[in-house]
N, C-alpha and C. Protein backbone atom coordinates (compact mmCIF):
# COMPACT_ATOMS: atom_id res chain seq x y z
N MET A 1 9.63 33.00 88.80
CA MET A 1 9.61 32.04 89.79
C MET A 1 8.68 32.70 90.91
N SER A 2 7.66 32.04 91.51
CA SER A 2 6.88 32.54 92.40
C SER A 2 7.34 32.24 93.69
N ALA A 3 7.15 32.89 94.76
CA ALA A 3 7.26 32.45 96.16
C ALA A 3 6.37 31.77 96.75
N ALA A 4 6.87 30.92 97.71
CA ALA A 4 5.73 29.95 98.30
C ALA A 4 4.99 30.69 99.33
N PRO A 5 3.80 30.40 99.30
CA PRO A 5 2.79 31.13 100.20
C PRO A 5 3.15 30.89 101.70
N LEU A 6 2.93 31.92 102.40
CA LEU A 6 3.41 31.80 103.93
C LEU A 6 2.22 31.15 104.63
N PRO A 7 2.58 30.41 105.78
CA PRO A 7 1.76 29.83 106.48
C PRO A 7 0.92 30.94 107.31
N PRO A 8 -0.37 30.68 107.94
CA PRO A 8 -0.93 31.61 108.69
C PRO A 8 -0.31 31.86 109.90
N PRO A 9 -0.21 33.12 110.49
CA PRO A 9 0.47 33.59 111.76
C PRO A 9 0.38 32.66 112.78
N SER A 10 -0.88 32.11 113.11
CA SER A 10 -1.08 31.17 114.23
C SER A 10 -0.09 29.90 114.18
N ALA A 11 0.31 29.41 113.13
CA ALA A 11 1.13 28.35 112.92
C ALA A 11 2.49 28.61 112.98
N LEU A 12 3.10 29.85 112.88
CA LEU A 12 4.44 30.19 113.02
C LEU A 12 4.95 30.39 114.71
N GLY A 13 3.97 30.82 115.41
CA GLY A 13 4.43 31.01 116.77
C GLY A 13 3.78 30.07 117.76
N PRO A 14 4.09 30.16 118.95
CA PRO A 14 3.53 29.16 119.78
C PRO A 14 2.02 29.40 120.17
N HIS A 15 1.29 28.29 120.44
CA HIS A 15 -0.15 28.63 120.67
C HIS A 15 -0.37 29.05 122.12
N PRO A 16 -1.41 29.92 122.33
CA PRO A 16 -1.69 30.32 123.55
C PRO A 16 -2.15 29.19 124.43
N PRO A 17 -1.77 29.06 125.80
CA PRO A 17 -2.14 27.92 126.58
C PRO A 17 -3.64 27.83 126.67
N GLY A 18 -4.18 26.62 126.91
CA GLY A 18 -5.61 26.10 127.01
C GLY A 18 -6.02 26.71 128.25
N PRO A 19 -7.37 26.83 128.56
CA PRO A 19 -8.08 27.20 129.73
C PRO A 19 -7.64 26.52 130.89
N ASP A 20 -7.28 25.20 130.70
CA ASP A 20 -6.96 24.15 131.91
C ASP A 20 -5.48 24.29 132.20
N ALA A 21 -4.63 25.02 131.51
CA ALA A 21 -3.11 24.93 131.85
C ALA A 21 -2.86 25.82 132.86
N PRO A 22 -1.95 25.43 133.75
CA PRO A 22 -1.49 26.19 135.10
C PRO A 22 -0.67 27.62 134.60
N PRO A 23 -0.58 28.62 135.43
CA PRO A 23 0.07 29.91 134.89
C PRO A 23 1.50 29.76 134.84
N THR A 24 2.02 30.26 133.93
CA THR A 24 3.28 30.17 133.70
C THR A 24 4.37 30.85 134.80
N CYS A 25 5.50 30.46 134.97
CA CYS A 25 6.42 30.97 136.09
C CYS A 25 7.82 30.85 135.47
N ALA A 26 8.62 31.57 136.27
CA ALA A 26 10.12 31.92 135.59
C ALA A 26 10.89 30.67 136.14
N VAL A 27 11.75 30.14 135.30
CA VAL A 27 12.61 28.93 135.67
C VAL A 27 13.85 29.64 136.17
N PRO A 28 14.30 29.14 137.51
CA PRO A 28 15.44 29.63 138.09
C PRO A 28 16.92 29.33 137.22
N HIS A 29 17.85 30.18 137.53
CA HIS A 29 19.12 29.77 136.61
C HIS A 29 19.88 28.68 137.47
N PHE A 30 20.44 27.64 136.79
CA PHE A 30 21.23 26.64 137.55
C PHE A 30 22.45 26.25 136.57
N ALA A 31 23.42 25.77 137.43
CA ALA A 31 24.57 25.33 136.32
C ALA A 31 24.41 24.25 135.80
N PRO A 32 25.02 24.10 134.50
CA PRO A 32 24.80 22.86 133.71
C PRO A 32 25.19 21.75 134.53
N VAL A 33 24.72 20.44 134.18
CA VAL A 33 25.06 19.18 134.56
C VAL A 33 25.95 18.56 133.86
N ARG A 34 27.22 18.20 134.33
CA ARG A 34 28.17 17.57 133.54
C ARG A 34 28.49 16.23 134.18
N VAL A 35 28.40 15.18 133.25
CA VAL A 35 28.88 13.70 133.60
C VAL A 35 30.18 13.52 133.85
N ARG A 36 30.73 13.15 134.97
CA ARG A 36 32.03 13.06 135.22
C ARG A 36 32.70 12.15 134.24
N GLY A 37 33.64 12.55 133.69
CA GLY A 37 34.58 11.64 132.78
C GLY A 37 33.87 11.26 131.47
N GLY A 38 32.74 11.75 131.15
CA GLY A 38 31.86 11.31 129.89
C GLY A 38 32.74 11.39 128.72
N ARG A 39 33.64 12.42 128.61
CA ARG A 39 34.63 12.84 127.36
C ARG A 39 35.44 11.57 127.13
N TYR A 40 35.82 11.14 128.30
CA TYR A 40 37.10 10.14 128.08
C TYR A 40 36.81 8.70 128.44
N GLN A 41 35.48 8.28 128.23
CA GLN A 41 35.10 6.86 128.61
C GLN A 41 35.72 5.92 127.66
N LEU A 42 35.71 6.18 126.51
CA LEU A 42 36.47 5.42 125.50
C LEU A 42 37.93 5.00 125.79
N ALA A 43 38.60 6.00 126.16
CA ALA A 43 40.10 6.01 126.50
C ALA A 43 40.26 5.15 127.90
N ARG A 44 39.29 5.47 128.72
CA ARG A 44 39.39 4.64 130.04
C ARG A 44 39.15 3.02 129.71
N LEU A 45 38.05 2.64 128.91
CA LEU A 45 37.69 1.48 128.62
C LEU A 45 38.76 0.90 127.92
N ALA A 46 39.57 1.44 127.06
CA ALA A 46 40.97 0.80 126.53
C ALA A 46 41.97 0.49 127.34
N ARG A 47 42.18 1.35 128.30
CA ARG A 47 43.06 1.13 129.43
C ARG A 47 42.67 -0.06 130.44
N HIS A 48 41.40 -0.19 130.63
CA HIS A 48 40.91 -1.40 131.44
C HIS A 48 40.46 -2.43 130.63
N ARG A 49 41.11 -2.99 129.65
CA ARG A 49 40.68 -3.92 128.82
C ARG A 49 40.02 -5.26 129.33
N ARG A 50 40.77 -5.64 130.42
CA ARG A 50 40.36 -7.03 131.18
C ARG A 50 39.03 -6.67 131.77
N ARG A 51 38.62 -5.54 132.22
CA ARG A 51 37.30 -5.50 132.86
C ARG A 51 36.19 -5.26 131.57
N ALA A 52 36.64 -4.77 130.42
CA ALA A 52 35.76 -4.86 129.34
C ALA A 52 35.50 -6.26 128.78
N VAL A 53 36.60 -7.00 128.72
CA VAL A 53 36.32 -8.45 128.19
C VAL A 53 35.59 -9.21 129.20
N ALA A 54 35.75 -9.11 130.56
CA ALA A 54 35.05 -9.73 131.43
C ALA A 54 33.54 -9.41 131.49
N ALA A 55 33.31 -8.18 131.36
CA ALA A 55 31.93 -7.58 131.22
C ALA A 55 31.27 -8.32 130.02
N GLY A 56 32.00 -8.18 128.79
CA GLY A 56 31.43 -8.75 127.55
C GLY A 56 31.03 -10.36 127.73
N LEU A 57 32.13 -11.14 128.38
CA LEU A 57 31.75 -12.34 128.68
C LEU A 57 30.67 -12.82 129.64
N ALA A 58 30.51 -11.82 130.59
CA ALA A 58 29.39 -11.97 131.45
C ALA A 58 27.94 -11.76 130.76
N VAL A 59 27.91 -10.74 129.87
CA VAL A 59 26.79 -10.48 129.12
C VAL A 59 26.38 -11.64 128.25
N THR A 60 27.45 -12.12 127.42
CA THR A 60 27.26 -13.35 126.57
C THR A 60 26.79 -14.46 127.19
N ALA A 61 27.40 -14.75 128.37
CA ALA A 61 26.89 -15.86 129.14
C ALA A 61 25.37 -15.82 129.57
N ALA A 62 25.24 -14.52 129.79
CA ALA A 62 23.78 -14.37 130.55
C ALA A 62 22.85 -14.53 129.23
N ALA A 63 23.12 -14.14 128.08
CA ALA A 63 22.42 -14.41 126.87
C ALA A 63 22.10 -15.64 126.39
N LEU A 64 23.47 -16.40 126.56
CA LEU A 64 23.28 -17.78 126.15
C LEU A 64 22.26 -18.54 127.17
N VAL A 65 22.47 -18.25 128.31
CA VAL A 65 21.60 -18.99 129.28
C VAL A 65 20.10 -18.67 128.97
N ALA A 66 19.94 -17.30 128.71
CA ALA A 66 18.42 -17.11 128.42
C ALA A 66 17.91 -17.65 127.12
N VAL A 67 18.72 -17.71 126.15
CA VAL A 67 18.22 -18.40 124.94
C VAL A 67 18.19 -19.91 124.82
N GLY A 68 19.13 -20.67 125.87
CA GLY A 68 19.18 -21.83 125.80
C GLY A 68 19.80 -22.74 124.78
N PRO A 69 20.16 -23.87 124.87
CA PRO A 69 21.03 -24.69 123.86
C PRO A 69 20.02 -24.93 122.60
N ALA A 70 20.45 -24.96 121.52
CA ALA A 70 19.63 -25.16 120.29
C ALA A 70 18.92 -26.62 120.21
N GLY A 71 17.73 -26.42 120.09
CA GLY A 71 16.93 -27.79 120.00
C GLY A 71 16.51 -28.24 121.32
N ALA A 72 16.69 -27.50 122.44
CA ALA A 72 16.42 -28.01 123.87
C ALA A 72 14.82 -28.10 123.98
N GLU A 73 14.60 -28.96 124.62
CA GLU A 73 13.06 -28.87 124.90
C GLU A 73 12.72 -28.49 126.33
N GLY A 74 13.63 -28.28 127.01
CA GLY A 74 13.35 -27.74 128.42
C GLY A 74 13.00 -26.28 128.56
N THR A 75 12.89 -25.72 129.70
CA THR A 75 12.31 -24.38 129.77
C THR A 75 13.56 -23.42 129.62
N ARG A 76 13.37 -22.34 129.04
CA ARG A 76 14.33 -21.33 128.76
C ARG A 76 15.03 -21.12 130.09
N GLY A 77 16.22 -20.97 130.11
CA GLY A 77 17.06 -20.44 131.38
C GLY A 77 17.29 -21.64 132.35
N GLN A 78 16.69 -22.77 132.12
CA GLN A 78 16.75 -23.91 133.11
C GLN A 78 17.98 -24.76 132.34
N PRO A 79 18.74 -25.39 133.22
CA PRO A 79 19.72 -26.38 132.81
C PRO A 79 18.99 -27.70 132.26
N VAL A 80 19.38 -28.21 131.14
CA VAL A 80 18.82 -29.41 130.65
C VAL A 80 19.28 -30.51 131.52
N THR A 81 18.33 -31.30 132.17
CA THR A 81 18.76 -32.40 132.90
C THR A 81 19.20 -33.76 132.19
N GLU A 82 20.23 -34.27 132.44
CA GLU A 82 20.32 -35.52 131.72
C GLU A 82 20.19 -36.72 132.78
N PRO A 83 19.72 -37.89 132.50
CA PRO A 83 19.51 -38.94 133.42
C PRO A 83 20.95 -39.22 134.00
N ALA A 84 20.95 -39.50 135.15
CA ALA A 84 22.08 -39.76 135.82
C ALA A 84 22.64 -41.14 135.55
N ARG A 85 24.16 -41.11 135.42
CA ARG A 85 24.74 -42.36 134.88
C ARG A 85 24.54 -43.46 135.81
N GLU A 86 24.19 -44.51 135.35
CA GLU A 86 24.12 -45.74 136.35
C GLU A 86 25.58 -46.04 136.86
N ARG A 87 25.63 -46.16 138.24
CA ARG A 87 26.75 -46.57 138.73
C ARG A 87 27.02 -48.20 138.56
N ARG A 88 28.25 -48.46 137.99
CA ARG A 88 28.49 -49.87 137.77
C ARG A 88 28.77 -50.53 139.04
N THR A 89 28.05 -51.54 139.41
CA THR A 89 28.25 -52.31 140.74
C THR A 89 29.43 -53.17 140.57
N VAL A 90 30.21 -53.13 141.69
CA VAL A 90 31.29 -53.96 141.57
C VAL A 90 31.05 -55.36 141.84
N GLU A 91 31.37 -56.36 141.06
CA GLU A 91 31.12 -57.77 141.21
C GLU A 91 31.83 -58.38 142.20
N MET A 92 31.05 -58.79 143.44
CA MET A 92 31.96 -59.51 144.42
C MET A 92 31.99 -60.94 144.26
N VAL A 93 33.20 -61.50 144.51
CA VAL A 93 33.19 -63.01 144.47
C VAL A 93 33.81 -63.45 145.82
N THR A 94 33.68 -64.90 146.06
CA THR A 94 34.30 -65.30 147.17
C THR A 94 35.62 -65.90 146.91
N ALA A 95 36.61 -65.67 147.81
CA ALA A 95 37.88 -66.13 147.40
C ALA A 95 38.53 -66.83 148.76
N PRO A 96 38.67 -68.25 148.65
CA PRO A 96 39.31 -68.80 149.66
C PRO A 96 40.80 -68.33 149.61
N VAL A 97 41.30 -68.09 150.89
CA VAL A 97 42.61 -67.52 151.15
C VAL A 97 43.33 -68.33 152.31
N ARG A 98 44.63 -68.91 152.10
CA ARG A 98 45.17 -69.66 153.13
C ARG A 98 46.18 -68.64 153.74
N ILE A 99 45.74 -68.51 155.03
CA ILE A 99 46.69 -67.47 156.04
C ILE A 99 47.57 -68.32 156.76
N ALA A 100 48.82 -67.60 156.80
CA ALA A 100 50.20 -68.45 157.38
C ALA A 100 49.87 -68.80 158.66
N ASP A 101 49.38 -67.87 159.53
CA ASP A 101 49.28 -68.02 161.01
C ASP A 101 47.82 -68.49 161.35
N ALA A 102 47.74 -69.90 161.67
CA ALA A 102 46.36 -70.45 161.95
C ALA A 102 45.87 -69.94 163.12
N ALA A 103 46.66 -69.50 164.20
CA ALA A 103 45.95 -68.90 165.30
C ALA A 103 45.32 -67.62 165.05
N THR A 104 45.78 -66.89 164.29
CA THR A 104 45.07 -65.68 163.64
C THR A 104 43.75 -65.83 163.31
N VAL A 105 43.59 -66.92 162.47
CA VAL A 105 42.28 -67.11 161.78
C VAL A 105 41.21 -67.54 162.93
N LEU A 106 41.65 -68.18 164.05
CA LEU A 106 40.67 -68.49 165.12
C LEU A 106 39.97 -67.34 165.63
N LEU A 107 40.76 -66.09 165.44
CA LEU A 107 39.94 -64.86 165.98
C LEU A 107 38.92 -64.30 165.18
N LEU A 108 38.88 -64.83 164.02
CA LEU A 108 37.79 -64.13 162.92
C LEU A 108 36.61 -64.83 163.09
N ARG A 109 35.65 -64.05 162.74
CA ARG A 109 34.28 -64.40 162.72
C ARG A 109 33.58 -63.91 161.30
N ALA A 110 32.57 -64.60 160.92
CA ALA A 110 31.97 -64.27 159.59
C ALA A 110 31.24 -62.75 159.83
N GLY A 111 31.61 -61.92 158.84
CA GLY A 111 31.14 -60.56 158.91
C GLY A 111 32.14 -59.70 159.19
N ASP A 112 33.44 -60.11 159.66
CA ASP A 112 34.52 -59.16 160.10
C ASP A 112 35.12 -58.79 158.96
N ARG A 113 35.72 -57.47 158.99
CA ARG A 113 36.57 -56.90 157.82
C ARG A 113 37.95 -56.98 158.17
N VAL A 114 38.85 -57.35 157.02
CA VAL A 114 40.14 -57.65 157.27
C VAL A 114 40.96 -56.96 156.21
N ASP A 115 42.13 -56.64 156.43
CA ASP A 115 43.11 -56.36 155.43
C ASP A 115 43.98 -57.50 155.20
N VAL A 116 44.20 -57.99 154.07
CA VAL A 116 45.26 -58.98 153.84
C VAL A 116 46.40 -58.56 153.08
N ILE A 117 47.45 -59.07 153.97
CA ILE A 117 48.90 -58.50 153.67
C ILE A 117 49.73 -59.64 153.29
N ALA A 118 50.67 -59.33 152.13
CA ALA A 118 51.47 -60.34 151.68
C ALA A 118 52.93 -60.09 152.00
N ALA A 119 53.64 -60.92 152.81
CA ALA A 119 54.91 -60.89 153.26
C ALA A 119 55.85 -61.76 152.31
N GLU A 120 56.72 -61.06 151.68
CA GLU A 120 57.76 -61.71 150.80
C GLU A 120 59.09 -61.51 151.54
N ALA A 121 59.86 -62.74 151.51
CA ALA A 121 61.23 -62.55 152.03
C ALA A 121 62.00 -62.27 150.77
N SER A 122 63.02 -61.09 150.98
CA SER A 122 63.79 -60.73 149.86
C SER A 122 65.29 -60.43 150.43
N ALA A 123 66.25 -60.01 149.61
CA ALA A 123 67.55 -59.70 150.16
C ALA A 123 67.63 -58.59 151.11
N ARG A 124 66.56 -57.53 150.83
CA ARG A 124 66.72 -56.40 151.69
C ARG A 124 65.92 -56.69 153.04
N GLY A 125 65.36 -57.86 153.20
CA GLY A 125 64.67 -58.09 154.34
C GLY A 125 63.14 -58.44 154.00
N ASP A 126 62.24 -58.28 155.14
CA ASP A 126 60.88 -58.69 154.56
C ASP A 126 60.10 -57.43 154.00
N ASP A 127 59.57 -57.74 152.78
CA ASP A 127 58.63 -56.63 152.18
C ASP A 127 57.22 -57.21 152.33
N ALA A 128 56.34 -55.94 152.88
CA ALA A 128 55.00 -56.22 153.01
C ALA A 128 54.21 -55.39 152.11
N LEU A 129 53.14 -56.15 151.63
CA LEU A 129 52.27 -55.47 150.66
C LEU A 129 50.81 -55.54 150.93
N VAL A 130 50.03 -54.62 151.07
CA VAL A 130 48.51 -54.77 151.40
C VAL A 130 47.90 -55.26 149.99
N VAL A 131 47.45 -56.46 149.92
CA VAL A 131 46.81 -57.17 148.83
C VAL A 131 45.22 -56.61 148.69
N ALA A 132 44.64 -56.84 149.85
CA ALA A 132 43.20 -56.43 149.91
C ALA A 132 42.98 -55.56 151.18
N ARG A 133 41.91 -54.61 150.89
CA ARG A 133 41.69 -53.68 151.97
C ARG A 133 40.23 -53.83 152.16
N GLY A 134 39.74 -54.03 153.60
CA GLY A 134 38.46 -54.12 154.00
C GLY A 134 37.63 -55.37 153.32
N ALA A 135 38.25 -56.47 153.28
CA ALA A 135 37.77 -57.69 152.75
C ALA A 135 36.73 -58.07 153.80
N GLN A 136 35.62 -58.59 153.42
CA GLN A 136 34.56 -59.14 154.40
C GLN A 136 34.85 -60.60 154.51
N VAL A 137 34.87 -61.24 155.83
CA VAL A 137 34.98 -62.63 155.97
C VAL A 137 33.55 -63.26 155.73
N LYS A 138 33.65 -63.95 154.87
CA LYS A 138 32.30 -64.94 154.77
C LYS A 138 32.28 -66.05 155.53
N GLU A 139 33.25 -66.93 155.59
CA GLU A 139 33.18 -68.07 156.41
C GLU A 139 34.66 -68.37 156.85
N VAL A 140 34.59 -69.06 157.98
CA VAL A 140 36.00 -69.52 158.54
C VAL A 140 35.77 -70.96 158.70
N PRO A 141 36.17 -71.97 157.77
CA PRO A 141 36.09 -73.34 157.90
C PRO A 141 36.75 -73.80 158.97
N GLU A 142 36.41 -74.92 159.60
CA GLU A 142 37.04 -75.73 160.75
C GLU A 142 38.38 -76.24 160.08
N PRO A 143 39.52 -76.04 161.04
CA PRO A 143 40.75 -76.56 160.38
C PRO A 143 40.89 -78.20 160.42
N LEU A 144 41.56 -78.50 159.47
CA LEU A 144 41.82 -79.87 159.33
C LEU A 144 42.80 -80.31 160.38
N GLU A 145 42.92 -81.56 160.80
CA GLU A 145 43.98 -82.09 161.63
C GLU A 145 45.12 -82.17 161.02
N GLY A 146 46.22 -81.63 161.53
CA GLY A 146 47.61 -81.66 161.11
C GLY A 146 47.87 -80.71 160.02
N ALA A 147 46.91 -79.85 159.70
CA ALA A 147 46.99 -78.83 158.72
C ALA A 147 47.49 -77.36 159.32
N ALA A 148 47.87 -77.31 160.55
CA ALA A 148 48.01 -76.07 161.39
C ALA A 148 49.46 -75.60 160.92
N GLU A 149 50.41 -76.42 160.48
CA GLU A 149 51.78 -75.93 160.06
C GLU A 149 51.63 -75.30 158.74
N SER A 150 50.61 -75.69 157.79
CA SER A 150 50.45 -74.79 156.51
C SER A 150 49.58 -73.66 156.59
N GLY A 151 49.09 -73.41 157.72
CA GLY A 151 48.14 -72.28 157.78
C GLY A 151 46.63 -72.62 157.82
N ALA A 152 45.91 -71.81 157.88
CA ALA A 152 44.30 -71.91 157.87
C ALA A 152 43.56 -71.22 156.80
N LEU A 153 42.41 -71.91 156.55
CA LEU A 153 41.76 -71.25 155.36
C LEU A 153 40.67 -70.21 155.73
N VAL A 154 40.44 -69.24 155.08
CA VAL A 154 39.48 -68.09 155.18
C VAL A 154 38.83 -67.76 153.89
N VAL A 155 37.56 -67.74 153.99
CA VAL A 155 36.75 -67.44 152.71
C VAL A 155 36.29 -65.86 152.79
N LEU A 156 36.77 -65.16 151.86
CA LEU A 156 36.57 -63.73 151.87
C LEU A 156 35.87 -63.35 150.64
N SER A 157 34.91 -62.25 151.03
CA SER A 157 34.14 -61.55 149.71
C SER A 157 34.86 -60.45 149.28
N VAL A 158 35.42 -60.43 148.03
CA VAL A 158 36.20 -59.30 147.55
C VAL A 158 35.80 -59.12 146.07
N PRO A 159 36.21 -57.85 145.56
CA PRO A 159 35.97 -57.64 144.11
C PRO A 159 36.80 -58.53 143.24
N ARG A 160 36.28 -58.96 142.06
CA ARG A 160 36.93 -59.88 141.13
C ARG A 160 38.56 -59.61 140.89
N SER A 161 38.94 -58.29 140.87
CA SER A 161 40.26 -57.92 140.59
C SER A 161 41.04 -58.12 141.90
N THR A 162 40.40 -57.91 142.86
CA THR A 162 41.27 -58.11 144.23
C THR A 162 41.47 -59.58 144.45
N ALA A 163 40.29 -60.49 144.04
CA ALA A 163 40.40 -61.87 144.07
C ALA A 163 41.84 -62.65 143.24
N ALA A 164 42.03 -61.79 142.16
CA ALA A 164 43.06 -62.09 141.25
C ALA A 164 44.33 -61.91 141.93
N ARG A 165 44.32 -60.73 142.59
CA ARG A 165 45.66 -60.24 143.21
C ARG A 165 45.97 -61.25 144.40
N LEU A 166 44.97 -61.63 145.23
CA LEU A 166 45.01 -62.51 146.26
C LEU A 166 45.72 -63.94 145.96
N ALA A 167 45.08 -64.36 144.69
CA ALA A 167 45.59 -65.59 144.13
C ALA A 167 46.90 -65.57 143.88
N GLY A 168 47.37 -64.51 143.22
CA GLY A 168 48.80 -64.42 142.83
C GLY A 168 49.78 -64.23 143.77
N ALA A 169 49.35 -63.44 144.84
CA ALA A 169 50.28 -63.04 146.28
C ALA A 169 50.34 -64.52 146.96
N SER A 170 49.27 -65.22 147.01
CA SER A 170 49.30 -66.63 147.86
C SER A 170 50.40 -67.59 147.15
N ALA A 171 50.56 -67.36 145.66
CA ALA A 171 51.53 -68.32 145.16
C ALA A 171 53.01 -68.00 145.60
N THR A 172 53.24 -66.58 145.91
CA THR A 172 54.63 -66.19 145.99
C THR A 172 54.83 -65.80 147.37
N ALA A 173 53.86 -65.55 148.42
CA ALA A 173 54.23 -64.86 149.52
C ALA A 173 53.28 -65.51 150.65
N ARG A 174 53.77 -65.29 151.89
CA ARG A 174 53.03 -65.78 153.08
C ARG A 174 51.95 -64.66 153.38
N LEU A 175 50.54 -64.97 153.53
CA LEU A 175 49.51 -64.02 153.59
C LEU A 175 49.19 -63.75 155.22
N ALA A 176 48.91 -62.79 155.68
CA ALA A 176 48.57 -62.54 157.04
C ALA A 176 47.35 -61.42 156.87
N VAL A 177 46.48 -61.40 158.05
CA VAL A 177 45.35 -60.75 158.15
C VAL A 177 45.38 -59.61 159.26
N THR A 178 44.98 -58.48 159.10
CA THR A 178 44.75 -57.63 160.31
C THR A 178 43.29 -57.14 160.44
N LEU A 179 42.65 -57.11 161.44
CA LEU A 179 41.17 -56.69 161.63
C LEU A 179 41.11 -55.23 161.36
N CYS A 180 40.13 -54.82 160.68
CA CYS A 180 39.79 -53.36 160.50
C CYS A 180 38.80 -52.92 161.60
């Protein structure tokens, strides 16, 4: 068996510095640099599990925002804007309401806002219930002669559901208004 040939002596040792290299100098002695707690980082991470989970979730959330939703055509990192939902407009209806106190109706004008209160007589006393809040007065018709005992008529603009409650309350209770 033959021995492998040795490389030339210049390949074994360091090369001499080139002509443009600065002169060499001695390196001063210094203490080794030690990272505080570097040996026990894994144990500390296990003790502080909540922090580790929170950090992982934060990194995951940042990555998901950067990538964006699958198939999104928007810019990366920007939220996808959806068209705003159309607000359903409340359908307003006019509801004629007979108010028990005719003198109160004389105080009303078109455009006033009123609350309509239904007062029912019961065994416990008079129970009052607000049937309509902030209803707009559309019209106050002229009272008929001899009809003051039965109250006076007011035409209100209210949502359709409130008009149904007003009709139901007027059949069983006396109605009154308060100005808003």
